[in-house]
Protein backbone atom coordinates (compact mmCIF):
# COMPACT_ATOMS: atom_id res chain seq x y z
CA MET A 1 -0.02 0.08 -0.05
CA ASN A 2 2.86 2.34 0.78
CA GLU A 3 4.44 1.64 -2.55
CA ALA A 4 1.20 2.58 -4.36
CA ASN A 5 1.08 5.80 -2.49
CA GLU A 6 4.74 6.61 -3.50
CA ASN A 7 3.97 5.85 -7.10
CA HIS A 8 0.92 8.09 -7.12
CA SER A 9 2.90 10.89 -5.39
CA GLU A 10 5.60 10.54 -8.03
CA GLU A 11 3.01 10.78 -10.87
CA GLN A 12 1.52 13.88 -9.29
CA GLU A 13 5.01 15.48 -8.98
CA ALA A 14 5.71 14.58 -12.60
CA GLU A 15 2.36 16.10 -13.73
CA HIS A 16 3.18 19.23 -11.61
CA HIS A 17 6.54 19.70 -13.33
CA GLU A 18 4.94 19.42 -16.79
CA ILE A 19 2.48 22.09 -15.92
CA ILE A 20 5.22 24.59 -14.89
CA HIS A 21 7.55 23.56 -17.61
CA LEU A 22 8.09 26.61 -19.83
CA GLN A 23 8.35 25.93 -23.47
CA LYS A 24 11.20 27.72 -25.37
CA PRO A 25 9.74 30.49 -27.64
CA GLY A 26 9.79 29.57 -31.28
CA MET A 27 10.49 31.38 -34.51
CA ARG A 28 6.83 31.93 -35.30
CA MET A 29 6.41 33.82 -32.01
CA LEU A 30 9.48 35.89 -32.89
CA LYS A 31 8.30 36.55 -36.41
CA THR A 32 4.81 37.59 -35.24
CA THR A 33 6.11 40.06 -32.72
CA ILE A 34 8.57 41.53 -35.30
CA GLY A 35 5.69 41.88 -37.79
CA VAL A 36 3.60 43.62 -35.22
CA PHE A 37 6.57 46.00 -34.38
CA ILE A 38 7.04 46.77 -38.16
CA CYS A 39 3.33 47.68 -38.51
CA LEU A 40 3.64 49.97 -35.41
CA LEU A 41 6.74 51.48 -36.93
CA ILE A 42 5.13 52.14 -40.22
CA SER A 43 2.19 53.82 -38.47
CA PHE A 44 4.56 55.89 -36.33
CA LEU A 45 6.67 56.94 -39.37
CA GLN A 46 3.65 57.76 -41.43
CA GLY A 47 2.62 60.24 -38.72
CA SER A 48 -0.65 61.21 -40.49
CA GLY A 49 -2.78 58.66 -38.51
CA GLU A 50 -4.13 57.20 -41.79
CA LEU A 51 -2.75 53.77 -40.88
CA ARG A 52 -4.49 52.48 -37.89
CA PRO A 53 -1.99 50.04 -36.51
CA PHE A 54 -4.54 47.82 -34.89
CA HIS A 55 -5.87 46.41 -38.13
CA ALA A 56 -2.33 45.93 -39.64
CA CYS A 57 -1.12 44.28 -36.48
CA PHE A 58 -4.19 42.08 -36.29
CA ALA A 59 -3.59 41.00 -39.93
CA VAL A 60 0.08 39.96 -39.09
CA ILE A 61 -1.19 38.02 -36.12
CA ILE A 62 -3.82 36.15 -38.09
CA THR A 63 -1.83 35.79 -41.36
CA LEU A 64 1.68 34.71 -40.23
CA LYS A 65 1.91 30.97 -40.46
CA SER A 66 4.68 28.36 -40.20
CA ASP A 67 5.82 28.79 -43.77
CA LEU A 68 5.43 30.99 -46.86
CA LYS A 69 2.82 28.80 -48.65
CA HIS A 70 0.46 28.91 -45.62
CA THR A 71 1.12 32.52 -45.00
CA TRP A 72 0.27 33.19 -48.67
CA LYS A 73 -2.91 31.25 -48.44
CA ALA A 74 -3.97 32.91 -45.22
CA GLY A 75 -3.04 36.27 -46.62
CA THR A 76 -5.04 35.97 -49.90
CA ASN A 77 -8.11 34.64 -47.77
CA ARG A 78 -7.71 37.66 -45.48
CA VAL A 79 -7.44 40.19 -48.44
CA PHE A 80 -10.56 38.72 -50.21
CA GLY A 81 -12.49 38.53 -46.98
CA THR A 82 -11.50 42.11 -46.00
CA ALA A 83 -12.51 43.46 -49.42
CA ILE A 84 -15.96 41.91 -49.16
CA GLY A 85 -16.44 42.80 -45.58
CA ALA A 86 -15.23 46.37 -46.04
CA PHE A 87 -17.51 46.83 -49.07
CA MET A 88 -20.61 45.45 -47.29
CA GLY A 89 -19.76 47.57 -44.30
CA LEU A 90 -19.65 50.69 -46.59
CA VAL A 91 -23.01 49.74 -47.91
CA ALA A 92 -24.39 49.49 -44.46
CA MET A 93 -22.88 52.91 -43.47
CA HIS A 94 -24.45 54.46 -46.60
CA ILE A 95 -27.84 53.04 -45.75
CA ARG A 96 -27.56 54.58 -42.27
CA ILE A 97 -26.44 57.89 -43.64
CA ILE A 98 -29.15 58.12 -46.43
CA TRP A 99 -31.94 57.03 -44.02
CA ASP A 100 -30.56 59.39 -41.37
CA LEU A 101 -30.44 56.49 -38.69
CA LYS A 102 -28.96 57.23 -35.41
CA THR A 103 -26.37 54.96 -33.80
CA PRO A 104 -27.05 53.12 -31.78
CA SER A 105 -30.61 52.42 -33.07
CA ILE A 106 -32.59 49.20 -33.21
CA THR A 107 -33.42 49.88 -36.93
CA TYR A 108 -29.73 50.13 -37.97
CA TYR A 109 -28.95 47.07 -35.74
CA LEU A 110 -31.58 45.09 -37.55
CA ILE A 111 -30.09 46.22 -40.97
CA ILE A 112 -26.71 45.14 -39.70
CA THR A 113 -28.14 41.78 -38.62
CA LEU A 114 -29.72 41.16 -41.98
CA MET A 115 -26.65 42.25 -43.86
CA MET A 116 -24.47 39.95 -41.65
CA PHE A 117 -26.70 37.03 -42.81
CA PHE A 118 -26.06 38.08 -46.35
CA VAL A 119 -22.34 38.45 -45.81
CA ILE A 120 -22.15 34.91 -44.33
CA TRP A 121 -24.36 33.42 -47.07
CA LEU A 122 -22.33 35.11 -49.84
CA THR A 123 -19.14 33.35 -48.69
CA ILE A 124 -20.97 30.05 -48.87
CA VAL A 125 -22.47 30.90 -52.37
CA ILE A 126 -18.96 31.73 -53.76
CA LYS A 127 -17.65 28.56 -52.08
CA THR A 128 -15.08 30.26 -49.77
CA PRO A 129 -16.23 29.38 -46.24
CA GLU A 130 -12.69 29.97 -44.96
CA ILE A 131 -13.14 33.77 -45.35
CA THR A 132 -16.41 33.84 -43.54
CA ALA A 133 -14.95 35.03 -40.19
CA PHE A 134 -12.84 37.70 -41.89
CA CYS A 135 -15.79 39.05 -43.84
CA ALA A 136 -18.03 39.09 -40.82
CA VAL A 137 -15.47 40.87 -38.59
CA VAL A 138 -14.45 43.47 -41.19
CA PHE A 139 -18.11 44.03 -41.99
CA LEU A 140 -19.03 44.72 -38.38
CA SER A 141 -15.89 46.88 -37.71
CA THR A 142 -16.81 48.95 -40.71
CA ALA A 143 -20.60 49.13 -40.36
CA LEU A 144 -20.26 50.08 -36.75
CA SER A 145 -17.91 53.04 -37.50
CA GLN A 146 -19.36 56.29 -36.22
CA THR A 147 -19.55 58.64 -39.17
CA ASP A 148 -22.33 60.63 -40.69
CA ASP A 149 -20.33 61.73 -43.74
CA SER A 150 -20.53 59.48 -46.89
CA THR A 151 -17.05 60.55 -47.95
CA LEU A 152 -15.57 59.73 -44.61
CA ALA A 153 -17.44 56.40 -44.76
CA LEU A 154 -15.72 55.58 -47.99
CA PHE A 155 -12.31 56.38 -46.36
CA VAL A 156 -13.13 54.27 -43.35
CA ALA A 157 -13.83 51.23 -45.62
CA PHE A 158 -10.86 52.01 -47.82
CA TYR A 159 -8.34 52.35 -44.92
CA ARG A 160 -9.66 49.27 -43.32
CA PHE A 161 -8.71 47.39 -46.46
CA VAL A 162 -5.31 49.18 -46.83
CA ASP A 163 -4.45 48.63 -43.25
CA THR A 164 -5.05 44.92 -43.35
CA THR A 165 -3.24 44.58 -46.68
CA ILE A 166 -0.18 46.23 -45.10
CA GLY A 167 -0.27 43.84 -42.24
CA ILE A 168 -0.55 40.86 -44.64
CA LEU A 169 2.42 42.13 -46.69
CA VAL A 170 4.44 42.55 -43.51
CA ALA A 171 3.62 39.02 -42.37
CA TYR A 172 4.73 37.64 -45.69
CA PHE A 173 7.92 39.70 -45.78
CA VAL A 174 8.85 38.75 -42.22
CA ASN A 175 8.17 35.08 -42.93
CA TRP A 176 10.20 35.20 -46.03
CA ALA A 177 13.09 37.29 -44.54
CA LEU A 178 13.58 35.28 -41.40
CA PRO A 179 14.48 31.52 -41.15
CA PRO A 180 11.79 28.87 -41.49
CA TYR A 181 9.71 28.07 -38.46
CA ASN A 182 9.78 24.31 -39.31
CA LYS A 183 13.46 23.01 -39.52
CA LYS A 184 12.13 20.04 -41.62
CA ALA A 185 10.87 22.46 -44.22
CA LYS A 186 14.48 23.51 -44.87
CA SER A 187 15.70 20.22 -46.00
């Protein structure tokens, strides 16, 4: 009985060590943080505030994968999804502006909800379900922008797309410029 308790205690101690064992940071973590820094630096150097670093940084985090092939695929999906979502968000903002709807308002939220259904359905119709989340998030972030000026609404959608594209290009560049994440991919 005493031997069984000792074995159980050793198993618990081994499990405890596994829980607190810190894994060494990998190249993908390093590449992602470098990509985020580059996006922040681009925004800082631009100085005009046109590049909202959040969207570019978010694109780096989502797009950067373990190799160039997967980064490229994620990037093209992200660009396509962002384009559709930004366009549909622009349509929603124009409806709100033309109908002189207040934000927040239940009428505008119902319009957004109906359009969200259409955005999701559209990705299924064009057989690209992998972009559904991108489209939906970009649609919402654009449609919920607080502007009553249709020209400014166009700029919101445009810069949402540009900021995301910059982040995707940074992710691809960083993944290309730094060593591969997977050492097996080298050989």
